Amino acid sequence: MAQIEQRPKGPDRYEVDGENIYLLGSQCSACGAVFYPEQTVCGRCAHRGSKSLRLGPEGVLYTWTRIHQSTSEFQTPYMLGYVDFPQNVRVLVPLVENVEPTMGMVLKLVLATGPKMAPGGEPFELVHGAPIVGEERQA
């Protein structure tokens, strides 16, 4: 079994398990609603109990946009996409550069730098969505 590593080097909450990246969300122990980022109080039923839940490592691109103007802590242009994960949650994630996204494409979570910059001006390492090509797709 691969060793699980948590890396809080940016604003994302995620785990690296072997070659797979997982966002860390939560699931309400009362109604089963799933959230990212982790929530202590359910946004659906207000229950105060949840368990941690890994999201990913793959999802389907629901929609996307290219950002050309932003605040100073973001390098532009960059792309953001809403990704539907099999754990029944939709999450907004940056998309890797040099790819032309299409709605419905299968994405895998990967680590890449940017677009958010740390206070010192260096780019954060963030979880991004990257298209899956050929045999990469998990069963």
C-alpha atoms as a PDB file:
ATOM      1  CA  MET A   1       0.000   0.000   0.000  1.00  0.00           C
ATOM      2  CA  ALA A   2       1.280   3.461  -0.912  1.00  0.00           C
ATOM      3  CA  GLN A   3       2.089   5.882   1.844  1.00  0.00           C
ATOM      4  CA  ILE A   4      -0.432   8.709   2.200  1.00  0.00           C
ATOM      5  CA  GLU A   5       1.065  12.158   2.343  1.00  0.00           C
ATOM      6  CA  GLN A   6      -0.733  15.347   3.281  1.00  0.00           C
ATOM      7  CA  ARG A   7       0.783  18.533   1.846  1.00  0.00           C
ATOM      8  CA  PRO A   8      -0.554  21.825   3.143  1.00  0.00           C
ATOM      9  CA  LYS A   9       1.727  23.895   0.815  1.00  0.00           C
ATOM     10  CA  GLY A  10      -1.167  25.873  -0.625  1.00  0.00           C
ATOM     11  CA  PRO A  11      -4.777  26.681   0.144  1.00  0.00           C
ATOM     12  CA  ASP A  12      -6.012  23.234  -1.002  1.00  0.00           C
ATOM     13  CA  ARG A  13      -6.717  20.345   1.360  1.00  0.00           C
ATOM     14  CA  TYR A  14      -5.595  17.161  -0.338  1.00  0.00           C
ATOM     15  CA  GLU A  15      -3.794  13.849   0.038  1.00  0.00           C
ATOM     16  CA  VAL A  16      -1.333  12.133  -2.236  1.00  0.00           C
ATOM     17  CA  ASP A  17      -1.749   8.350  -2.301  1.00  0.00           C
ATOM     18  CA  GLY A  18       0.795   6.830  -4.661  1.00  0.00           C
ATOM     19  CA  GLU A  19       0.148   8.472  -8.033  1.00  0.00           C
ATOM     20  CA  ASN A  20      -3.371   9.628  -7.114  1.00  0.00           C
ATOM     21  CA  ILE A  21      -4.372  13.017  -5.736  1.00  0.00           C
ATOM     22  CA  TYR A  22      -7.538  13.336  -3.639  1.00  0.00           C
ATOM     23  CA  LEU A  23      -9.235  16.504  -2.416  1.00  0.00           C
ATOM     24  CA  LEU A  24     -10.344  16.196   1.231  1.00  0.00           C
ATOM     25  CA  GLY A  25     -14.035  16.769   1.694  1.00  0.00           C
ATOM     26  CA  SER A  26     -16.600  15.610   4.205  1.00  0.00           C
ATOM     27  CA  GLN A  27     -19.861  13.705   4.262  1.00  0.00           C
ATOM     28  CA  CYS A  28     -22.693  14.389   6.701  1.00  0.00           C
ATOM     29  CA  SER A  29     -23.251  11.410   8.977  1.00  0.00           C
ATOM     30  CA  ALA A  30     -27.009  12.138   9.119  1.00  0.00           C
ATOM     31  CA  CYS A  31     -28.168  12.891   5.557  1.00  0.00           C
ATOM     32  CA  GLY A  32     -25.134  11.864   3.472  1.00  0.00           C
ATOM     33  CA  ALA A  33     -24.550  15.260   1.805  1.00  0.00           C
ATOM     34  CA  VAL A  34     -20.982  15.726   0.530  1.00  0.00           C
ATOM     35  CA  PHE A  35     -19.000  18.991   0.791  1.00  0.00           C
ATOM     36  CA  TYR A  36     -15.689  20.481  -0.273  1.00  0.00           C
ATOM     37  CA  PRO A  37     -13.926  21.858   1.606  1.00  0.00           C
ATOM     38  CA  GLU A  38     -14.622  19.867   4.760  1.00  0.00           C
ATOM     39  CA  GLN A  39     -17.552  21.132   6.820  1.00  0.00           C
ATOM     40  CA  THR A  40     -18.290  20.558  10.506  1.00  0.00           C
ATOM     41  CA  VAL A  41     -21.972  21.528  10.146  1.00  0.00           C
ATOM     42  CA  CYS A  42     -24.042  20.132   7.272  1.00  0.00           C
ATOM     43  CA  GLY A  43     -25.268  22.769   4.836  1.00  0.00           C
ATOM     44  CA  ARG A  44     -28.311  20.632   3.992  1.00  0.00           C
ATOM     45  CA  CYS A  45     -29.661  19.429   7.363  1.00  0.00           C
ATOM     46  CA  ALA A  46     -27.544  21.398   9.919  1.00  0.00           C
ATOM     47  CA  HIS A  47     -26.346  18.185  11.593  1.00  0.00           C
ATOM     48  CA  ARG A  48     -23.106  18.604  13.546  1.00  0.00           C
ATOM     49  CA  GLY A  49     -21.355  15.419  12.581  1.00  0.00           C
ATOM     50  CA  SER A  50     -19.416  14.394   9.527  1.00  0.00           C
ATOM     51  CA  LYS A  51     -16.689  12.063   8.367  1.00  0.00           C
ATOM     52  CA  SER A  52     -13.737  12.871   6.137  1.00  0.00           C
ATOM     53  CA  LEU A  53     -14.135  11.831   2.525  1.00  0.00           C
ATOM     54  CA  ARG A  54     -11.640  11.670  -0.330  1.00  0.00           C
ATOM     55  CA  LEU A  55     -12.855  13.253  -3.567  1.00  0.00           C
ATOM     56  CA  GLY A  56     -11.419  12.045  -6.864  1.00  0.00           C
ATOM     57  CA  PRO A  57      -9.004  11.108  -8.216  1.00  0.00           C
ATOM     58  CA  GLU A  58     -11.105  11.565 -11.384  1.00  0.00           C
ATOM     59  CA  GLY A  59     -14.123  13.624 -12.306  1.00  0.00           C
ATOM     60  CA  VAL A  60     -16.099  14.937 -15.264  1.00  0.00           C
ATOM     61  CA  LEU A  61     -15.878  18.565 -16.394  1.00  0.00           C
ATOM     62  CA  TYR A  62     -19.323  20.135 -16.009  1.00  0.00           C
ATOM     63  CA  THR A  63     -18.413  23.594 -17.333  1.00  0.00           C
ATOM     64  CA  TRP A  64     -15.419  25.926 -17.464  1.00  0.00           C
ATOM     65  CA  THR A  65     -14.295  29.517 -17.985  1.00  0.00           C
ATOM     66  CA  ARG A  66     -11.090  31.390 -18.810  1.00  0.00           C
ATOM     67  CA  ILE A  67     -10.217  34.243 -16.431  1.00  0.00           C
ATOM     68  CA  HIS A  68      -8.444  37.236 -18.017  1.00  0.00           C
ATOM     69  CA  GLN A  69      -8.690  39.769 -15.196  1.00  0.00           C
ATOM     70  CA  SER A  70      -8.383  39.092 -11.472  1.00  0.00           C
ATOM     71  CA  THR A  71      -6.927  40.410  -8.233  1.00  0.00           C
ATOM     72  CA  SER A  72      -3.168  40.776  -7.776  1.00  0.00           C
ATOM     73  CA  GLU A  73      -2.641  37.373  -6.101  1.00  0.00           C
ATOM     74  CA  PHE A  74      -3.651  35.523  -9.296  1.00  0.00           C
ATOM     75  CA  GLN A  75      -1.612  35.246 -12.498  1.00  0.00           C
ATOM     76  CA  THR A  76      -3.865  35.684 -15.523  1.00  0.00           C
ATOM     77  CA  PRO A  77      -5.051  34.211 -17.771  1.00  0.00           C
ATOM     78  CA  TYR A  78      -6.069  30.945 -16.133  1.00  0.00           C
ATOM     79  CA  MET A  79      -8.950  28.488 -16.431  1.00  0.00           C
ATOM     80  CA  LEU A  80     -11.390  27.266 -13.810  1.00  0.00           C
ATOM     81  CA  GLY A  81     -13.797  24.389 -14.164  1.00  0.00           C
ATOM     82  CA  TYR A  82     -16.606  22.837 -12.189  1.00  0.00           C
ATOM     83  CA  VAL A  83     -15.793  19.145 -11.875  1.00  0.00           C
ATOM     84  CA  ASP A  84     -18.381  16.507 -10.926  1.00  0.00           C
ATOM     85  CA  PHE A  85     -16.800  13.812  -8.754  1.00  0.00           C
ATOM     86  CA  PRO A  86     -18.179  10.284  -8.303  1.00  0.00           C
ATOM     87  CA  GLN A  87     -18.709  11.069  -4.612  1.00  0.00           C
ATOM     88  CA  ASN A  88     -21.709  13.211  -5.662  1.00  0.00           C
ATOM     89  CA  VAL A  89     -20.205  16.678  -5.317  1.00  0.00           C
ATOM     90  CA  ARG A  90     -19.254  19.452  -7.775  1.00  0.00           C
ATOM     91  CA  VAL A  91     -16.036  21.360  -7.045  1.00  0.00           C
ATOM     92  CA  LEU A  92     -14.459  24.418  -8.672  1.00  0.00           C
ATOM     93  CA  VAL A  93     -10.828  23.622  -9.560  1.00  0.00           C
ATOM     94  CA  PRO A  94      -8.199  25.307 -11.721  1.00  0.00           C
ATOM     95  CA  LEU A  95      -7.477  23.526 -14.997  1.00  0.00           C
ATOM     96  CA  VAL A  96      -3.978  22.852 -16.317  1.00  0.00           C
ATOM     97  CA  GLU A  97      -2.627  25.198 -18.963  1.00  0.00           C
ATOM     98  CA  ASN A  98      -2.231  24.345 -22.645  1.00  0.00           C
ATOM     99  CA  VAL A  99      -5.441  22.363 -22.887  1.00  0.00           C
ATOM    100  CA  GLU A 100      -8.692  23.220 -24.597  1.00  0.00           C
ATOM    101  CA  PRO A 101     -11.371  21.993 -22.204  1.00  0.00           C
ATOM    102  CA  THR A 102     -14.650  20.523 -23.394  1.00  0.00           C
ATOM    103  CA  MET A 103     -17.668  19.891 -21.229  1.00  0.00           C
ATOM    104  CA  GLY A 104     -17.996  16.210 -20.375  1.00  0.00           C
ATOM    105  CA  MET A 105     -14.285  15.440 -20.649  1.00  0.00           C
ATOM    106  CA  VAL A 106     -12.827  13.175 -17.948  1.00  0.00           C
ATOM    107  CA  LEU A 107     -10.233  14.862 -15.749  1.00  0.00           C
ATOM    108  CA  LYS A 108      -7.689  13.547 -13.278  1.00  0.00           C
ATOM    109  CA  LEU A 109      -6.488  15.548 -10.290  1.00  0.00           C
ATOM    110  CA  VAL A 110      -2.822  16.577 -10.577  1.00  0.00           C
ATOM    111  CA  LEU A 111      -0.500  18.984  -8.783  1.00  0.00           C
ATOM    112  CA  ALA A 112       0.670  22.069 -10.678  1.00  0.00           C
ATOM    113  CA  THR A 113       1.777  25.584  -9.810  1.00  0.00           C
ATOM    114  CA  GLY A 114      -0.482  28.635 -10.021  1.00  0.00           C
ATOM    115  CA  PRO A 115      -2.593  30.555 -10.657  1.00  0.00           C
ATOM    116  CA  LYS A 116      -2.747  31.725  -6.993  1.00  0.00           C
ATOM    117  CA  MET A 117       0.393  33.412  -5.725  1.00  0.00           C
ATOM    118  CA  ALA A 118       1.778  33.291  -2.170  1.00  0.00           C
ATOM    119  CA  PRO A 119       2.294  36.619  -0.373  1.00  0.00           C
ATOM    120  CA  GLY A 120       5.982  36.568  -1.442  1.00  0.00           C
ATOM    121  CA  GLY A 121       4.995  36.347  -5.114  1.00  0.00           C
ATOM    122  CA  GLU A 122       5.840  32.695  -5.795  1.00  0.00           C
ATOM    123  CA  PRO A 123       3.057  30.456  -7.164  1.00  0.00           C
ATOM    124  CA  PHE A 124       1.352  27.966  -4.863  1.00  0.00           C
ATOM    125  CA  GLU A 125       1.280  24.289  -5.738  1.00  0.00           C
ATOM    126  CA  LEU A 126      -2.429  23.605  -6.271  1.00  0.00           C
ATOM    127  CA  VAL A 127      -4.636  20.696  -7.226  1.00  0.00           C
ATOM    128  CA  HIS A 128      -5.634  21.088 -10.902  1.00  0.00           C
ATOM    129  CA  GLY A 129      -7.829  19.142 -13.294  1.00  0.00           C
ATOM    130  CA  ALA A 130      -5.966  17.609 -16.243  1.00  0.00           C
ATOM    131  CA  PRO A 131      -7.495  15.690 -19.164  1.00  0.00           C
ATOM    132  CA  ILE A 132      -7.049  11.929 -19.130  1.00  0.00           C
ATOM    133  CA  VAL A 133      -5.531  10.562 -22.283  1.00  0.00           C
ATOM    134  CA  GLY A 134      -5.722   6.977 -23.532  1.00  0.00           C
ATOM    135  CA  GLU A 135      -4.992   4.224 -21.021  1.00  0.00           C
ATOM    136  CA  GLU A 136      -4.663   6.533 -17.981  1.00  0.00           C
ATOM    137  CA  ARG A 137      -8.329   6.231 -16.991  1.00  0.00           C
ATOM    138  CA  GLN A 138      -9.061   4.178 -13.883  1.00  0.00           C
ATOM    139  CA  ALA A 139     -11.690   1.461 -13.921  1.00  0.00           C
END
